[in-house]
Amino acid sequence: MVAESSLPAPVQRFVDAINAADTDAFVDAFTPDGLVDDWGRELHGPDGLRSWADTDAIGMNARITILSADVDGDTVTTRFDWASRRFNGRSEGIFVIAGDRLSSFTIPPHR
């Protein structure tokens, strides 16, 4: 597991928002044109982010634990453990940071 202090602040806010079941904080972790790309299903902007939070994350009682993180400029590639009523398991997550927020979070399809 990655120490919270080693994650870039926007990624940590994302994790904290999901684990606290705080949809408003989740949406606020992104830029106004933020994107979640979940296996090719793209959700844009506050309404799209809120929809994903409701159907795939916070609304499903999700808990996320970052297991590893590799920071390369504004891109943070992670391995994470996810537990929810919708999906349980480990996956890769790619965050792109824009200033003090996230511009995107991508969960690529498993290979």
PDB file of N, CA and C in Angstrom:
ATOM      1  N   MET A   1       0.851  -1.180   0.000  1.00  0.00           N
ATOM      2  CA  MET A   1       0.000   0.000   0.000  1.00  0.00           C
ATOM      3  C   MET A   1       0.895   1.241   0.000  1.00  0.00           C
ATOM      4  N   VAL A   2       0.472   2.264  -0.701  1.00  0.00           N
ATOM      5  CA  VAL A   2       1.226   3.507  -0.835  1.00  0.00           C
ATOM      6  C   VAL A   2       0.888   4.426   0.329  1.00  0.00           C
ATOM      7  N   ALA A   3       1.906   5.038   0.913  1.00  0.00           N
ATOM      8  CA  ALA A   3       1.662   6.017   1.971  1.00  0.00           C
ATOM      9  C   ALA A   3       0.907   7.205   1.395  1.00  0.00           C
ATOM     10  N   GLU A   4      -0.130   7.635   2.100  1.00  0.00           N
ATOM     11  CA  GLU A   4      -0.949   8.739   1.611  1.00  0.00           C
ATOM     12  C   GLU A   4      -0.120   9.973   1.301  1.00  0.00           C
ATOM     13  N   SER A   5       0.913  10.230   2.075  1.00  0.00           N
ATOM     14  CA  SER A   5       1.715  11.439   1.876  1.00  0.00           C
ATOM     15  C   SER A   5       2.500  11.402   0.571  1.00  0.00           C
ATOM     16  N   SER A   6       2.648  10.224  -0.046  1.00  0.00           N
ATOM     17  CA  SER A   6       3.426  10.144  -1.282  1.00  0.00           C
ATOM     18  C   SER A   6       2.576  10.326  -2.542  1.00  0.00           C
ATOM     19  N   LEU A   7       1.261  10.333  -2.408  1.00  0.00           N
ATOM     20  CA  LEU A   7       0.396  10.560  -3.566  1.00  0.00           C
ATOM     21  C   LEU A   7       0.257  12.050  -3.838  1.00  0.00           C
ATOM     22  N   PRO A   8       0.242  12.449  -5.107  1.00  0.00           N
ATOM     23  CA  PRO A   8      -0.049  13.852  -5.408  1.00  0.00           C
ATOM     24  C   PRO A   8      -1.420  14.232  -4.826  1.00  0.00           C
ATOM     25  N   ALA A   9      -1.542  15.456  -4.353  1.00  0.00           N
ATOM     26  CA  ALA A   9      -2.755  15.906  -3.649  1.00  0.00           C
ATOM     27  C   ALA A   9      -4.042  15.657  -4.438  1.00  0.00           C
ATOM     28  N   PRO A  10      -4.102  15.912  -5.746  1.00  0.00           N
ATOM     29  CA  PRO A  10      -5.364  15.661  -6.452  1.00  0.00           C
ATOM     30  C   PRO A  10      -5.773  14.181  -6.436  1.00  0.00           C
ATOM     31  N   VAL A  11      -4.795  13.287  -6.524  1.00  0.00           N
ATOM     32  CA  VAL A  11      -5.099  11.853  -6.466  1.00  0.00           C
ATOM     33  C   VAL A  11      -5.584  11.490  -5.064  1.00  0.00           C
ATOM     34  N   GLN A  12      -4.932  12.032  -4.055  1.00  0.00           N
ATOM     35  CA  GLN A  12      -5.345  11.744  -2.683  1.00  0.00           C
ATOM     36  C   GLN A  12      -6.763  12.246  -2.420  1.00  0.00           C
ATOM     37  N   ARG A  13      -7.127  13.417  -2.973  1.00  0.00           N
ATOM     38  CA  ARG A  13      -8.496  13.928  -2.802  1.00  0.00           C
ATOM     39  C   ARG A  13      -9.515  12.984  -3.439  1.00  0.00           C
ATOM     40  N   PHE A  14      -9.193  12.440  -4.601  1.00  0.00           N
ATOM     41  CA  PHE A  14     -10.033  11.454  -5.277  1.00  0.00           C
ATOM     42  C   PHE A  14     -10.258  10.242  -4.365  1.00  0.00           C
ATOM     43  N   VAL A  15      -9.168   9.684  -3.841  1.00  0.00           N
ATOM     44  CA  VAL A  15      -9.239   8.518  -2.953  1.00  0.00           C
ATOM     45  C   VAL A  15     -10.064   8.853  -1.709  1.00  0.00           C
ATOM     46  N   ASP A  16      -9.760   9.979  -1.090  1.00  0.00           N
ATOM     47  CA  ASP A  16     -10.467  10.371   0.129  1.00  0.00           C
ATOM     48  C   ASP A  16     -11.964  10.552  -0.124  1.00  0.00           C
ATOM     49  N   ALA A  17     -12.321  11.152  -1.255  1.00  0.00           N
ATOM     50  CA  ALA A  17     -13.730  11.392  -1.571  1.00  0.00           C
ATOM     51  C   ALA A  17     -14.488  10.080  -1.737  1.00  0.00           C
ATOM     52  N   ILE A  18     -13.884   9.131  -2.452  1.00  0.00           N
ATOM     53  CA  ILE A  18     -14.555   7.835  -2.614  1.00  0.00           C
ATOM     54  C   ILE A  18     -14.686   7.137  -1.269  1.00  0.00           C
ATOM     55  N   ASN A  19     -13.610   7.080  -0.517  1.00  0.00           N
ATOM     56  CA  ASN A  19     -13.648   6.355   0.755  1.00  0.00           C
ATOM     57  C   ASN A  19     -14.532   7.018   1.800  1.00  0.00           C
ATOM     58  N   ALA A  20     -14.779   8.324   1.661  1.00  0.00           N
ATOM     59  CA  ALA A  20     -15.673   9.037   2.582  1.00  0.00           C
ATOM     60  C   ALA A  20     -17.106   9.080   2.044  1.00  0.00           C
ATOM     61  N   ALA A  21     -17.331   8.486   0.866  1.00  0.00           N
ATOM     62  CA  ALA A  21     -18.657   8.497   0.234  1.00  0.00           C
ATOM     63  C   ALA A  21     -19.160   9.929   0.044  1.00  0.00           C
ATOM     64  N   ASP A  22     -18.269  10.804  -0.431  1.00  0.00           N
ATOM     65  CA  ASP A  22     -18.580  12.218  -0.605  1.00  0.00           C
ATOM     66  C   ASP A  22     -18.586  12.564  -2.100  1.00  0.00           C
ATOM     67  N   THR A  23     -19.755  12.481  -2.710  1.00  0.00           N
ATOM     68  CA  THR A  23     -19.872  12.716  -4.144  1.00  0.00           C
ATOM     69  C   THR A  23     -19.479  14.131  -4.521  1.00  0.00           C
ATOM     70  N   ASP A  24     -19.861  15.121  -3.726  1.00  0.00           N
ATOM     71  CA  ASP A  24     -19.492  16.510  -4.044  1.00  0.00           C
ATOM     72  C   ASP A  24     -17.975  16.682  -4.050  1.00  0.00           C
ATOM     73  N   ALA A  25     -17.293  16.108  -3.068  1.00  0.00           N
ATOM     74  CA  ALA A  25     -15.825  16.197  -3.028  1.00  0.00           C
ATOM     75  C   ALA A  25     -15.210  15.446  -4.204  1.00  0.00           C
ATOM     76  N   PHE A  26     -15.825  14.330  -4.599  1.00  0.00           N
ATOM     77  CA  PHE A  26     -15.348  13.575  -5.755  1.00  0.00           C
ATOM     78  C   PHE A  26     -15.404  14.444  -7.013  1.00  0.00           C
ATOM     79  N   VAL A  27     -16.552  15.042  -7.274  1.00  0.00           N
ATOM     80  CA  VAL A  27     -16.709  15.897  -8.456  1.00  0.00           C
ATOM     81  C   VAL A  27     -15.739  17.079  -8.381  1.00  0.00           C
ATOM     82  N   ASP A  28     -15.571  17.648  -7.190  1.00  0.00           N
ATOM     83  CA  ASP A  28     -14.694  18.801  -7.003  1.00  0.00           C
ATOM     84  C   ASP A  28     -13.210  18.448  -7.179  1.00  0.00           C
ATOM     85  N   ALA A  29     -12.873  17.162  -7.122  1.00  0.00           N
ATOM     86  CA  ALA A  29     -11.480  16.745  -7.322  1.00  0.00           C
ATOM     87  C   ALA A  29     -11.049  16.905  -8.771  1.00  0.00           C
ATOM     88  N   PHE A  30     -12.019  17.105  -9.682  1.00  0.00           N
ATOM     89  CA  PHE A  30     -11.757  17.210 -11.113  1.00  0.00           C
ATOM     90  C   PHE A  30     -11.895  18.645 -11.605  1.00  0.00           C
ATOM     91  N   THR A  31     -11.264  18.900 -12.743  1.00  0.00           N
ATOM     92  CA  THR A  31     -11.473  20.166 -13.448  1.00  0.00           C
ATOM     93  C   THR A  31     -12.915  20.187 -13.963  1.00  0.00           C
ATOM     94  N   PRO A  32     -13.447  21.365 -14.322  1.00  0.00           N
ATOM     95  CA  PRO A  32     -14.836  21.432 -14.800  1.00  0.00           C
ATOM     96  C   PRO A  32     -15.120  20.548 -16.012  1.00  0.00           C
ATOM     97  N   ASP A  33     -14.100  20.283 -16.824  1.00  0.00           N
ATOM     98  CA  ASP A  33     -14.293  19.413 -17.987  1.00  0.00           C
ATOM     99  C   ASP A  33     -13.694  18.025 -17.750  1.00  0.00           C
ATOM    100  N   GLY A  34     -13.589  17.643 -16.467  1.00  0.00           N
ATOM    101  CA  GLY A  34     -12.973  16.373 -16.095  1.00  0.00           C
ATOM    102  C   GLY A  34     -13.639  15.172 -16.732  1.00  0.00           C
ATOM    103  N   LEU A  35     -12.879  14.082 -16.783  1.00  0.00           N
ATOM    104  CA  LEU A  35     -13.307  12.871 -17.475  1.00  0.00           C
ATOM    105  C   LEU A  35     -12.984  11.638 -16.649  1.00  0.00           C
ATOM    106  N   VAL A  36     -13.933  10.712 -16.595  1.00  0.00           N
ATOM    107  CA  VAL A  36     -13.674   9.352 -16.143  1.00  0.00           C
ATOM    108  C   VAL A  36     -13.863   8.459 -17.361  1.00  0.00           C
ATOM    109  N   ASP A  37     -12.843   7.648 -17.645  1.00  0.00           N
ATOM    110  CA  ASP A  37     -12.891   6.676 -18.737  1.00  0.00           C
ATOM    111  C   ASP A  37     -12.764   5.300 -18.095  1.00  0.00           C
ATOM    112  N   ASP A  38     -13.871   4.604 -17.993  1.00  0.00           N
ATOM    113  CA  ASP A  38     -13.934   3.309 -17.322  1.00  0.00           C
ATOM    114  C   ASP A  38     -14.118   2.235 -18.390  1.00  0.00           C
ATOM    115  N   TRP A  39     -13.009   1.612 -18.789  1.00  0.00           N
ATOM    116  CA  TRP A  39     -13.006   0.572 -19.818  1.00  0.00           C
ATOM    117  C   TRP A  39     -13.588   1.085 -21.126  1.00  0.00           C
ATOM    118  N   GLY A  40     -13.322   2.340 -21.477  1.00  0.00           N
ATOM    119  CA  GLY A  40     -13.802   2.917 -22.718  1.00  0.00           C
ATOM    120  C   GLY A  40     -15.130   3.642 -22.601  1.00  0.00           C
ATOM    121  N   ARG A  41     -15.793   3.530 -21.477  1.00  0.00           N
ATOM    122  CA  ARG A  41     -17.031   4.272 -21.219  1.00  0.00           C
ATOM    123  C   ARG A  41     -16.629   5.616 -20.637  1.00  0.00           C
ATOM    124  N   GLU A  42     -16.795   6.681 -21.424  1.00  0.00           N
ATOM    125  CA  GLU A  42     -16.345   8.009 -21.023  1.00  0.00           C
ATOM    126  C   GLU A  42     -17.492   8.839 -20.466  1.00  0.00           C
ATOM    127  N   LEU A  43     -17.227   9.454 -19.323  1.00  0.00           N
ATOM    128  CA  LEU A  43     -18.195  10.344 -18.688  1.00  0.00           C
ATOM    129  C   LEU A  43     -17.497  11.674 -18.449  1.00  0.00           C
ATOM    130  N   HIS A  44     -18.102  12.749 -18.957  1.00  0.00           N
ATOM    131  CA  HIS A  44     -17.464  14.067 -18.975  1.00  0.00           C
ATOM    132  C   HIS A  44     -18.199  15.062 -18.087  1.00  0.00           C
ATOM    133  N   GLY A  45     -17.425  15.987 -17.516  1.00  0.00           N
ATOM    134  CA  GLY A  45     -17.984  17.112 -16.774  1.00  0.00           C
ATOM    135  C   GLY A  45     -18.663  16.694 -15.491  1.00  0.00           C
ATOM    136  N   PRO A  46     -19.144  17.669 -14.738  1.00  0.00           N
ATOM    137  CA  PRO A  46     -19.739  17.385 -13.429  1.00  0.00           C
ATOM    138  C   PRO A  46     -20.883  16.364 -13.477  1.00  0.00           C
ATOM    139  N   ASP A  47     -21.752  16.447 -14.469  1.00  0.00           N
ATOM    140  CA  ASP A  47     -22.870  15.496 -14.534  1.00  0.00           C
ATOM    141  C   ASP A  47     -22.379  14.082 -14.812  1.00  0.00           C
ATOM    142  N   GLY A  48     -21.423  13.945 -15.717  1.00  0.00           N
ATOM    143  CA  GLY A  48     -20.867  12.628 -16.014  1.00  0.00           C
ATOM    144  C   GLY A  48     -20.113  12.048 -14.830  1.00  0.00           C
ATOM    145  N   LEU A  49     -19.333  12.886 -14.161  1.00  0.00           N
ATOM    146  CA  LEU A  49     -18.585  12.437 -12.983  1.00  0.00           C
ATOM    147  C   LEU A  49     -19.530  11.997 -11.871  1.00  0.00           C
ATOM    148  N   ARG A  50     -20.565  12.780 -11.651  1.00  0.00           N
ATOM    149  CA  ARG A  50     -21.552  12.452 -10.620  1.00  0.00           C
ATOM    150  C   ARG A  50     -22.259  11.127 -10.969  1.00  0.00           C
ATOM    151  N   SER A  51     -22.566  10.940 -12.245  1.00  0.00           N
ATOM    152  CA  SER A  51     -23.212   9.711 -12.687  1.00  0.00           C
ATOM    153  C   SER A  51     -22.318   8.502 -12.399  1.00  0.00           C
ATOM    154  N   TRP A  52     -21.027   8.587 -12.753  1.00  0.00           N
ATOM    155  CA  TRP A  52     -20.115   7.474 -12.493  1.00  0.00           C
ATOM    156  C   TRP A  52     -19.975   7.217 -11.000  1.00  0.00           C
ATOM    157  N   ALA A  53     -19.870   8.282 -10.226  1.00  0.00           N
ATOM    158  CA  ALA A  53     -19.772   8.120  -8.772  1.00  0.00           C
ATOM    159  C   ALA A  53     -20.994   7.384  -8.227  1.00  0.00           C
ATOM    160  N   ASP A  54     -22.158   7.722  -8.749  1.00  0.00           N
ATOM    161  CA  ASP A  54     -23.400   7.107  -8.256  1.00  0.00           C
ATOM    162  C   ASP A  54     -23.537   5.648  -8.682  1.00  0.00           C
ATOM    163  N   THR A  55     -23.202   5.330  -9.937  1.00  0.00           N
ATOM    164  CA  THR A  55     -23.450   3.985 -10.452  1.00  0.00           C
ATOM    165  C   THR A  55     -22.301   3.010 -10.263  1.00  0.00           C
ATOM    166  N   ASP A  56     -21.068   3.523 -10.147  1.00  0.00           N
ATOM    167  CA  ASP A  56     -19.912   2.631 -10.117  1.00  0.00           C
ATOM    168  C   ASP A  56     -19.048   2.752  -8.866  1.00  0.00           C
ATOM    169  N   ALA A  57     -19.178   3.827  -8.124  1.00  0.00           N
ATOM    170  CA  ALA A  57     -18.254   4.052  -7.005  1.00  0.00           C
ATOM    171  C   ALA A  57     -19.012   4.312  -5.701  1.00  0.00           C
ATOM    172  N   ILE A  58     -19.260   5.547  -5.413  1.00  0.00           N
ATOM    173  CA  ILE A  58     -19.840   5.932  -4.126  1.00  0.00           C
ATOM    174  C   ILE A  58     -21.211   5.300  -3.916  1.00  0.00           C
ATOM    175  N   GLY A  59     -22.036   5.275  -4.949  1.00  0.00           N
ATOM    176  CA  GLY A  59     -23.351   4.649  -4.846  1.00  0.00           C
ATOM    177  C   GLY A  59     -23.293   3.145  -4.652  1.00  0.00           C
ATOM    178  N   MET A  60     -22.138   2.557  -4.872  1.00  0.00           N
ATOM    179  CA  MET A  60     -21.933   1.118  -4.693  1.00  0.00           C
ATOM    180  C   MET A  60     -21.083   0.822  -3.455  1.00  0.00           C
ATOM    181  N   ASN A  61     -20.982   1.815  -2.557  1.00  0.00           N
ATOM    182  CA  ASN A  61     -20.198   1.671  -1.317  1.00  0.00           C
ATOM    183  C   ASN A  61     -18.750   1.284  -1.581  1.00  0.00           C
ATOM    184  N   ALA A  62     -18.142   1.900  -2.573  1.00  0.00           N
ATOM    185  CA  ALA A  62     -16.774   1.565  -2.958  1.00  0.00           C
ATOM    186  C   ALA A  62     -15.753   2.016  -1.921  1.00  0.00           C
ATOM    187  N   ARG A  63     -14.682   1.242  -1.866  1.00  0.00           N
ATOM    188  CA  ARG A  63     -13.485   1.580  -1.099  1.00  0.00           C
ATOM    189  C   ARG A  63     -12.310   1.333  -2.031  1.00  0.00           C
ATOM    190  N   ILE A  64     -11.411   2.302  -2.093  1.00  0.00           N
ATOM    191  CA  ILE A  64     -10.231   2.178  -2.950  1.00  0.00           C
ATOM    192  C   ILE A  64      -8.977   2.273  -2.092  1.00  0.00           C
ATOM    193  N   THR A  65      -8.031   1.385  -2.392  1.00  0.00           N
ATOM    194  CA  THR A  65      -6.729   1.400  -1.743  1.00  0.00           C
ATOM    195  C   THR A  65      -5.676   1.420  -2.839  1.00  0.00           C
ATOM    196  N   ILE A  66      -4.849   2.452  -2.851  1.00  0.00           N
ATOM    197  CA  ILE A  66      -3.771   2.545  -3.833  1.00  0.00           C
ATOM    198  C   ILE A  66      -2.638   1.634  -3.365  1.00  0.00           C
ATOM    199  N   LEU A  67      -2.265   0.684  -4.215  1.00  0.00           N
ATOM    200  CA  LEU A  67      -1.218  -0.281  -3.878  1.00  0.00           C
ATOM    201  C   LEU A  67       0.155   0.186  -4.350  1.00  0.00           C
ATOM    202  N   SER A  68       0.184   0.859  -5.509  1.00  0.00           N
ATOM    203  CA  SER A  68       1.443   1.405  -6.025  1.00  0.00           C
ATOM    204  C   SER A  68       1.116   2.606  -6.887  1.00  0.00           C
ATOM    205  N   ALA A  69       2.071   3.517  -6.989  1.00  0.00           N
ATOM    206  CA  ALA A  69       1.881   4.723  -7.794  1.00  0.00           C
ATOM    207  C   ALA A  69       3.208   5.111  -8.421  1.00  0.00           C
ATOM    208  N   ASP A  70       3.151   5.394  -9.720  1.00  0.00           N
ATOM    209  CA  ASP A  70       4.314   5.858 -10.462  1.00  0.00           C
ATOM    210  C   ASP A  70       3.971   7.234 -11.027  1.00  0.00           C
ATOM    211  N   VAL A  71       4.709   8.248 -10.599  1.00  0.00           N
ATOM    212  CA  VAL A  71       4.453   9.613 -11.049  1.00  0.00           C
ATOM    213  C   VAL A  71       5.430   9.959 -12.158  1.00  0.00           C
ATOM    214  N   ASP A  72       4.884  10.385 -13.302  1.00  0.00           N
ATOM    215  CA  ASP A  72       5.694  10.818 -14.434  1.00  0.00           C
ATOM    216  C   ASP A  72       5.109  12.135 -14.927  1.00  0.00           C
ATOM    217  N   GLY A  73       5.666  13.240 -14.453  1.00  0.00           N
ATOM    218  CA  GLY A  73       5.122  14.557 -14.793  1.00  0.00           C
ATOM    219  C   GLY A  73       3.723  14.708 -14.223  1.00  0.00           C
ATOM    220  N   ASP A  74       2.745  14.975 -15.091  1.00  0.00           N
ATOM    221  CA  ASP A  74       1.364  15.158 -14.653  1.00  0.00           C
ATOM    222  C   ASP A  74       0.549  13.870 -14.702  1.00  0.00           C
ATOM    223  N   THR A  75       1.199  12.751 -14.994  1.00  0.00           N
ATOM    224  CA  THR A  75       0.498  11.466 -15.090  1.00  0.00           C
ATOM    225  C   THR A  75       0.904  10.569 -13.929  1.00  0.00           C
ATOM    226  N   VAL A  76      -0.098  10.000 -13.273  1.00  0.00           N
ATOM    227  CA  VAL A  76       0.139   9.088 -12.159  1.00  0.00           C
ATOM    228  C   VAL A  76      -0.521   7.756 -12.517  1.00  0.00           C
ATOM    229  N   THR A  77       0.305   6.731 -12.678  1.00  0.00           N
ATOM    230  CA  THR A  77      -0.192   5.400 -12.995  1.00  0.00           C
ATOM    231  C   THR A  77      -0.194   4.585 -11.708  1.00  0.00           C
ATOM    232  N   THR A  78      -1.348   4.026 -11.393  1.00  0.00           N
ATOM    233  CA  THR A  78      -1.505   3.316 -10.128  1.00  0.00           C
ATOM    234  C   THR A  78      -1.984   1.893 -10.358  1.00  0.00           C
ATOM    235  N   ARG A  79      -1.736   1.061  -9.360  1.00  0.00           N
ATOM    236  CA  ARG A  79      -2.426  -0.218  -9.180  1.00  0.00           C
ATOM    237  C   ARG A  79      -3.255  -0.004  -7.933  1.00  0.00           C
ATOM    238  N   PHE A  80      -4.507  -0.417  -7.992  1.00  0.00           N
ATOM    239  CA  PHE A  80      -5.358  -0.211  -6.827  1.00  0.00           C
ATOM    240  C   PHE A  80      -6.231  -1.420  -6.562  1.00  0.00           C
ATOM    241  N   ASP A  81      -6.653  -1.516  -5.327  1.00  0.00           N
ATOM    242  CA  ASP A  81      -7.607  -2.537  -4.916  1.00  0.00           C
ATOM    243  C   ASP A  81      -8.948  -1.843  -4.738  1.00  0.00           C
ATOM    244  N   TRP A  82      -9.990  -2.429  -5.274  1.00  0.00           N
ATOM    245  CA  TRP A  82     -11.335  -1.839  -5.264  1.00  0.00           C
ATOM    246  C   TRP A  82     -12.290  -2.841  -4.655  1.00  0.00           C
ATOM    247  N   ALA A  83     -13.077  -2.379  -3.712  1.00  0.00           N
ATOM    248  CA  ALA A  83     -14.110  -3.232  -3.117  1.00  0.00           C
ATOM    249  C   ALA A  83     -15.417  -2.459  -3.156  1.00  0.00           C
ATOM    250  N   SER A  84     -16.445  -3.068  -3.753  1.00  0.00           N
ATOM    251  CA  SER A  84     -17.753  -2.413  -3.828  1.00  0.00           C
ATOM    252  C   SER A  84     -18.821  -3.474  -4.095  1.00  0.00           C
ATOM    253  N   ARG A  85     -20.059  -3.009  -4.162  1.00  0.00           N
ATOM    254  CA  ARG A  85     -21.153  -3.915  -4.512  1.00  0.00           C
ATOM    255  C   ARG A  85     -21.187  -4.192  -6.015  1.00  0.00           C
ATOM    256  N   ARG A  86     -20.386  -3.470  -6.801  1.00  0.00           N
ATOM    257  CA  ARG A  86     -20.392  -3.642  -8.261  1.00  0.00           C
ATOM    258  C   ARG A  86     -19.184  -4.414  -8.766  1.00  0.00           C
ATOM    259  N   PHE A  87     -18.010  -4.146  -8.214  1.00  0.00           N
ATOM    260  CA  PHE A  87     -16.773  -4.768  -8.671  1.00  0.00           C
ATOM    261  C   PHE A  87     -15.838  -4.906  -7.482  1.00  0.00           C
ATOM    262  N   ASN A  88     -15.129  -6.026  -7.448  1.00  0.00           N
ATOM    263  CA  ASN A  88     -14.107  -6.249  -6.438  1.00  0.00           C
ATOM    264  C   ASN A  88     -12.870  -6.785  -7.138  1.00  0.00           C
ATOM    265  N   GLY A  89     -11.734  -6.198  -6.819  1.00  0.00           N
ATOM    266  CA  GLY A  89     -10.496  -6.698  -7.396  1.00  0.00           C
ATOM    267  C   GLY A  89      -9.479  -5.601  -7.596  1.00  0.00           C
ATOM    268  N   ARG A  90      -8.398  -6.000  -8.237  1.00  0.00           N
ATOM    269  CA  ARG A  90      -7.300  -5.071  -8.500  1.00  0.00           C
ATOM    270  C   ARG A  90      -7.347  -4.622  -9.945  1.00  0.00           C
ATOM    271  N   SER A  91      -6.906  -3.399 -10.146  1.00  0.00           N
ATOM    272  CA  SER A  91      -6.931  -2.827 -11.478  1.00  0.00           C
ATOM    273  C   SER A  91      -5.863  -1.760 -11.589  1.00  0.00           C
ATOM    274  N   GLU A  92      -5.700  -1.260 -12.801  1.00  0.00           N
ATOM    275  CA  GLU A  92      -4.804  -0.144 -13.067  1.00  0.00           C
ATOM    276  C   GLU A  92      -5.646   1.117 -13.182  1.00  0.00           C
ATOM    277  N   GLY A  93      -5.136   2.218 -12.688  1.00  0.00           N
ATOM    278  CA  GLY A  93      -5.795   3.506 -12.831  1.00  0.00           C
ATOM    279  C   GLY A  93      -4.775   4.556 -13.240  1.00  0.00           C
ATOM    280  N   ILE A  94      -5.143   5.351 -14.228  1.00  0.00           N
ATOM    281  CA  ILE A  94      -4.239   6.390 -14.723  1.00  0.00           C
ATOM    282  C   ILE A  94      -4.899   7.740 -14.487  1.00  0.00           C
ATOM    283  N   PHE A  95      -4.242   8.562 -13.699  1.00  0.00           N
ATOM    284  CA  PHE A  95      -4.707   9.900 -13.375  1.00  0.00           C
ATOM    285  C   PHE A  95      -3.885  10.916 -14.151  1.00  0.00           C
ATOM    286  N   VAL A  96      -4.540  11.934 -14.684  1.00  0.00           N
ATOM    287  CA  VAL A  96      -3.829  13.062 -15.283  1.00  0.00           C
ATOM    288  C   VAL A  96      -4.189  14.298 -14.469  1.00  0.00           C
ATOM    289  N   ILE A  97      -3.165  14.984 -13.991  1.00  0.00           N
ATOM    290  CA  ILE A  97      -3.327  16.136 -13.119  1.00  0.00           C
ATOM    291  C   ILE A  97      -3.238  17.423 -13.928  1.00  0.00           C
ATOM    292  N   ALA A  98      -4.129  18.352 -13.601  1.00  0.00           N
ATOM    293  CA  ALA A  98      -4.107  19.692 -14.206  1.00  0.00           C
ATOM    294  C   ALA A  98      -4.169  20.693 -13.058  1.00  0.00           C
ATOM    295  N   GLY A  99      -3.022  21.246 -12.708  1.00  0.00           N
ATOM    296  CA  GLY A  99      -2.981  22.176 -11.576  1.00  0.00           C
ATOM    297  C   GLY A  99      -3.249  21.443 -10.279  1.00  0.00           C
ATOM    298  N   ASP A 100      -4.279  21.881  -9.552  1.00  0.00           N
ATOM    299  CA  ASP A 100      -4.589  21.258  -8.264  1.00  0.00           C
ATOM    300  C   ASP A 100      -5.775  20.294  -8.348  1.00  0.00           C
ATOM    301  N   ARG A 101      -6.129  19.893  -9.584  1.00  0.00           N
ATOM    302  CA  ARG A 101      -7.250  18.964  -9.780  1.00  0.00           C
ATOM    303  C   ARG A 101      -6.874  17.902 -10.799  1.00  0.00           C
ATOM    304  N   LEU A 102      -7.770  16.964 -10.973  1.00  0.00           N
ATOM    305  CA  LEU A 102      -7.591  15.930 -11.982  1.00  0.00           C
ATOM    306  C   LEU A 102      -8.294  16.334 -13.270  1.00  0.00           C
ATOM    307  N   SER A 103      -7.645  16.120 -14.390  1.00  0.00           N
ATOM    308  CA  SER A 103      -8.342  16.315 -15.656  1.00  0.00           C
ATOM    309  C   SER A 103      -8.959  15.003 -16.122  1.00  0.00           C
ATOM    310  N   SER A 104      -8.372  13.872 -15.685  1.00  0.00           N
ATOM    311  CA  SER A 104      -8.970  12.600 -16.056  1.00  0.00           C
ATOM    312  C   SER A 104      -8.520  11.471 -15.135  1.00  0.00           C
ATOM    313  N   PHE A 105      -9.363  10.441 -15.120  1.00  0.00           N
ATOM    314  CA  PHE A 105      -9.078   9.174 -14.453  1.00  0.00           C
ATOM    315  C   PHE A 105      -9.506   8.087 -15.418  1.00  0.00           C
ATOM    316  N   THR A 106      -8.574   7.217 -15.778  1.00  0.00           N
ATOM    317  CA  THR A 106      -8.840   6.149 -16.735  1.00  0.00           C
ATOM    318  C   THR A 106      -8.583   4.797 -16.093  1.00  0.00           C
ATOM    319  N   ILE A 107      -9.539   3.900 -16.264  1.00  0.00           N
ATOM    320  CA  ILE A 107      -9.361   2.493 -15.919  1.00  0.00           C
ATOM    321  C   ILE A 107      -9.339   1.756 -17.252  1.00  0.00           C
ATOM    322  N   PRO A 108      -8.129   1.375 -17.713  1.00  0.00           N
ATOM    323  CA  PRO A 108      -8.058   0.691 -19.011  1.00  0.00           C
ATOM    324  C   PRO A 108      -8.584  -0.736 -18.887  1.00  0.00           C
ATOM    325  N   PRO A 109      -9.072  -1.286 -19.993  1.00  0.00           N
ATOM    326  CA  PRO A 109      -9.527  -2.684 -19.964  1.00  0.00           C
ATOM    327  C   PRO A 109      -8.388  -3.614 -19.548  1.00  0.00           C
ATOM    328  N   HIS A 110      -8.753  -4.654 -18.802  1.00  0.00           N
ATOM    329  CA  HIS A 110      -7.733  -5.657 -18.434  1.00  0.00           C
ATOM    330  C   HIS A 110      -7.246  -6.338 -19.697  1.00  0.00           C
ATOM    331  N   ARG A 111      -5.957  -6.636 -19.691  1.00  0.00           N
ATOM    332  CA  ARG A 111      -5.391  -7.326 -20.859  1.00  0.00           C
ATOM    333  C   ARG A 111      -5.211  -8.774 -20.561  1.00  0.00           C
TER     334      ARG A 111
END
